[in-house]
Amino acid sequence: MDGLKKLRNTPVSELMTTGLIMIDGSRKVAEAIALMAEHGISSVVIRPRNEDDTYGVLVERDILEKVVDPRGDTYMDIWNTQVHQVMTKPWPSVYPEMRVKYALRTMRESGIRRLLVIDQSKLVGLISENNILKAVQALPENKSAAI
């Protein structure tokens, strides 16, 4: 139990992924899909267009719900649709010092599985449910815990 308590209070910077895969919003959805497949990832970060813009994220769900099987009569295809047309933006973010428990709450409240980690307007990483679950899995067994 002490391990979980410590993990909940760990800064997201200790668990986040760095070296993110990024793409410009003007690129085609097909290119983003290929990039995701090449790197075995389920999302890509979309670069801001200028200093006044924010980061966006394209996740598998965006592609499936907005391109592959959109509701209504709006149809797009992956070869002619630009990433910025289907990405989610603005994307919720946290700062590196934020504790894991607050990052999880932000994910839950936003209905997403990953958050951008921004430090002084600069993207420094991404924290995901997967990062946190890996940290939970790595915790030592608590043999004194009651069942």
Protein backbone atom coordinates (compact mmCIF):
# COMPACT_ATOMS: atom_id res chain seq x y z
CA MET A 1 0.00 0.00 0.00
CA ASP A 2 2.90 2.34 0.71
CA GLY A 3 4.12 1.80 -2.85
CA LEU A 4 0.79 2.90 -4.30
CA LYS A 5 0.66 5.91 -2.02
CA LYS A 6 4.13 6.91 -3.14
CA LEU A 7 3.21 6.34 -6.79
CA ARG A 8 0.10 8.53 -6.49
CA ASN A 9 2.30 11.37 -5.27
CA THR A 10 5.06 10.87 -7.84
CA PRO A 11 5.59 13.77 -10.27
CA VAL A 12 4.44 12.90 -13.80
CA SER A 13 7.93 13.79 -15.03
CA GLU A 14 9.20 10.54 -13.49
CA LEU A 15 6.80 8.39 -15.53
CA MET A 16 6.25 10.36 -18.74
CA THR A 17 7.36 9.34 -22.19
CA THR A 18 9.81 11.66 -23.93
CA GLY A 19 11.00 11.69 -27.54
CA LEU A 20 7.45 11.98 -28.87
CA ILE A 21 6.48 11.29 -32.46
CA MET A 22 5.16 14.49 -34.02
CA ILE A 23 3.61 15.51 -37.34
CA ASP A 24 2.41 18.73 -38.94
CA GLY A 25 -1.34 19.27 -39.09
CA SER A 26 -1.16 19.82 -42.85
CA ARG A 27 -0.03 16.21 -43.46
CA LYS A 28 -2.54 13.63 -44.65
CA VAL A 29 -4.25 11.21 -42.25
CA ALA A 30 -2.74 8.31 -44.23
CA GLU A 31 0.74 9.60 -43.36
CA ALA A 32 -0.17 9.80 -39.68
CA ILE A 33 -1.52 6.24 -39.75
CA ALA A 34 1.71 5.02 -41.36
CA LEU A 35 3.78 6.86 -38.74
CA MET A 36 1.72 5.35 -35.92
CA ALA A 37 2.10 1.85 -37.39
CA GLU A 38 5.84 2.29 -37.95
CA HIS A 39 6.41 3.26 -34.31
CA GLY A 40 3.77 0.98 -32.76
CA ILE A 41 1.92 3.88 -31.15
CA SER A 42 -1.74 4.84 -30.90
CA SER A 43 -1.36 8.62 -31.15
CA VAL A 44 0.80 11.35 -32.62
CA VAL A 45 1.34 14.88 -31.39
CA ILE A 46 0.47 17.67 -33.81
CA ARG A 47 2.94 20.55 -33.87
CA PRO A 48 1.62 24.08 -33.31
CA ARG A 49 1.48 26.13 -36.51
CA ASN A 50 3.01 29.19 -34.83
CA GLU A 51 3.93 30.53 -31.40
CA ASP A 52 0.32 31.48 -30.65
CA ASP A 53 -1.00 28.01 -31.50
CA THR A 54 -1.29 24.99 -29.19
CA TYR A 55 -0.38 21.35 -29.55
CA GLY A 56 -2.98 18.90 -30.75
CA VAL A 57 -3.13 15.12 -30.67
CA LEU A 58 -4.40 12.63 -33.24
CA VAL A 59 -5.49 9.37 -31.63
CA GLU A 60 -6.79 6.17 -33.18
CA ARG A 61 -10.31 7.05 -32.00
CA ASP A 62 -10.20 10.32 -34.01
CA ILE A 63 -9.45 8.38 -37.17
CA LEU A 64 -12.02 5.66 -36.52
CA GLU A 65 -14.86 7.97 -35.49
CA LYS A 66 -14.22 10.91 -37.81
CA VAL A 67 -12.88 9.23 -40.95
CA VAL A 68 -13.54 5.47 -41.02
CA ASP A 69 -17.09 5.56 -39.62
CA PRO A 70 -18.28 9.14 -39.12
CA ARG A 71 -21.79 9.90 -38.00
CA GLY A 72 -23.95 11.83 -40.42
CA ASP A 73 -23.31 12.40 -44.10
CA THR A 74 -19.79 13.82 -43.88
CA TYR A 75 -17.30 11.46 -45.45
CA MET A 76 -13.55 11.86 -45.61
CA ASP A 77 -10.77 9.64 -46.83
CA ILE A 78 -7.33 9.15 -45.37
CA TRP A 79 -5.51 10.18 -48.57
CA ASN A 80 -7.13 13.61 -48.97
CA THR A 81 -7.96 14.60 -45.39
CA GLN A 82 -5.42 16.66 -43.49
CA VAL A 83 -4.60 15.73 -39.91
CA HIS A 84 -5.78 19.11 -38.55
CA GLN A 85 -9.30 18.33 -39.82
CA VAL A 86 -9.73 15.35 -37.49
CA MET A 87 -7.29 15.86 -34.62
CA THR A 88 -8.38 16.78 -31.12
CA LYS A 89 -7.36 20.27 -30.10
CA PRO A 90 -6.78 21.81 -27.69
CA TRP A 91 -5.50 18.76 -25.85
CA PRO A 92 -5.42 18.79 -22.04
CA SER A 93 -1.99 19.13 -20.52
CA VAL A 94 -0.25 19.00 -17.17
CA TYR A 95 3.05 20.33 -15.92
CA PRO A 96 5.99 18.03 -15.04
CA GLU A 97 5.70 18.56 -11.27
CA MET A 98 2.03 17.60 -11.11
CA ARG A 99 1.41 14.45 -9.10
CA VAL A 100 0.22 11.29 -10.83
CA LYS A 101 -3.07 11.21 -8.92
CA TYR A 102 -4.05 14.62 -10.31
CA ALA A 103 -3.01 13.64 -13.82
CA LEU A 104 -5.26 10.56 -13.57
CA ARG A 105 -8.15 12.71 -12.41
CA THR A 106 -7.61 15.06 -15.35
CA MET A 107 -7.64 12.10 -17.76
CA ARG A 108 -10.80 10.72 -16.22
CA GLU A 109 -12.59 14.08 -16.25
CA SER A 110 -11.52 14.73 -19.86
CA GLY A 111 -12.35 11.22 -21.07
CA ILE A 112 -8.85 10.67 -22.48
CA ARG A 113 -6.00 8.23 -21.83
CA ARG A 114 -2.98 10.50 -22.20
CA LEU A 115 -1.94 14.04 -21.36
CA LEU A 116 0.69 16.30 -22.84
CA VAL A 117 3.31 17.45 -20.35
CA ILE A 118 4.13 21.11 -20.91
CA ASP A 119 6.87 23.05 -19.11
CA GLN A 120 6.88 26.81 -19.70
CA SER A 121 5.03 26.48 -23.05
CA LYS A 122 7.41 23.74 -24.22
CA LEU A 123 6.29 20.16 -24.81
CA VAL A 124 8.51 17.90 -22.70
CA GLY A 125 6.61 14.61 -22.74
CA LEU A 126 3.40 12.67 -22.52
CA ILE A 127 1.92 10.82 -19.54
CA SER A 128 -0.51 8.00 -20.28
CA GLU A 129 -2.57 5.45 -18.43
CA ASN A 130 -0.13 2.90 -19.84
CA ASN A 131 2.86 4.68 -18.24
CA ILE A 132 1.08 4.61 -14.89
CA LEU A 133 0.01 0.97 -15.18
CA LYS A 134 3.59 -0.05 -15.95
CA ALA A 135 4.70 1.77 -12.78
CA VAL A 136 2.00 -0.04 -10.77
CA GLN A 137 3.11 -3.38 -12.21
CA ALA A 138 6.71 -2.64 -11.17
CA LEU A 139 5.76 -2.05 -7.52
CA PRO A 140 7.14 -4.62 -5.09
CA GLU A 141 4.66 -7.10 -3.67
CA ASN A 142 3.21 -6.14 -0.31
CA LYS A 143 3.25 -9.46 1.52
CA SER A 144 1.68 -7.99 4.65
CA ALA A 145 -1.47 -6.77 2.87
CA ALA A 146 -4.71 -8.31 4.04
CA ILE A 147 -6.78 -10.15 1.45
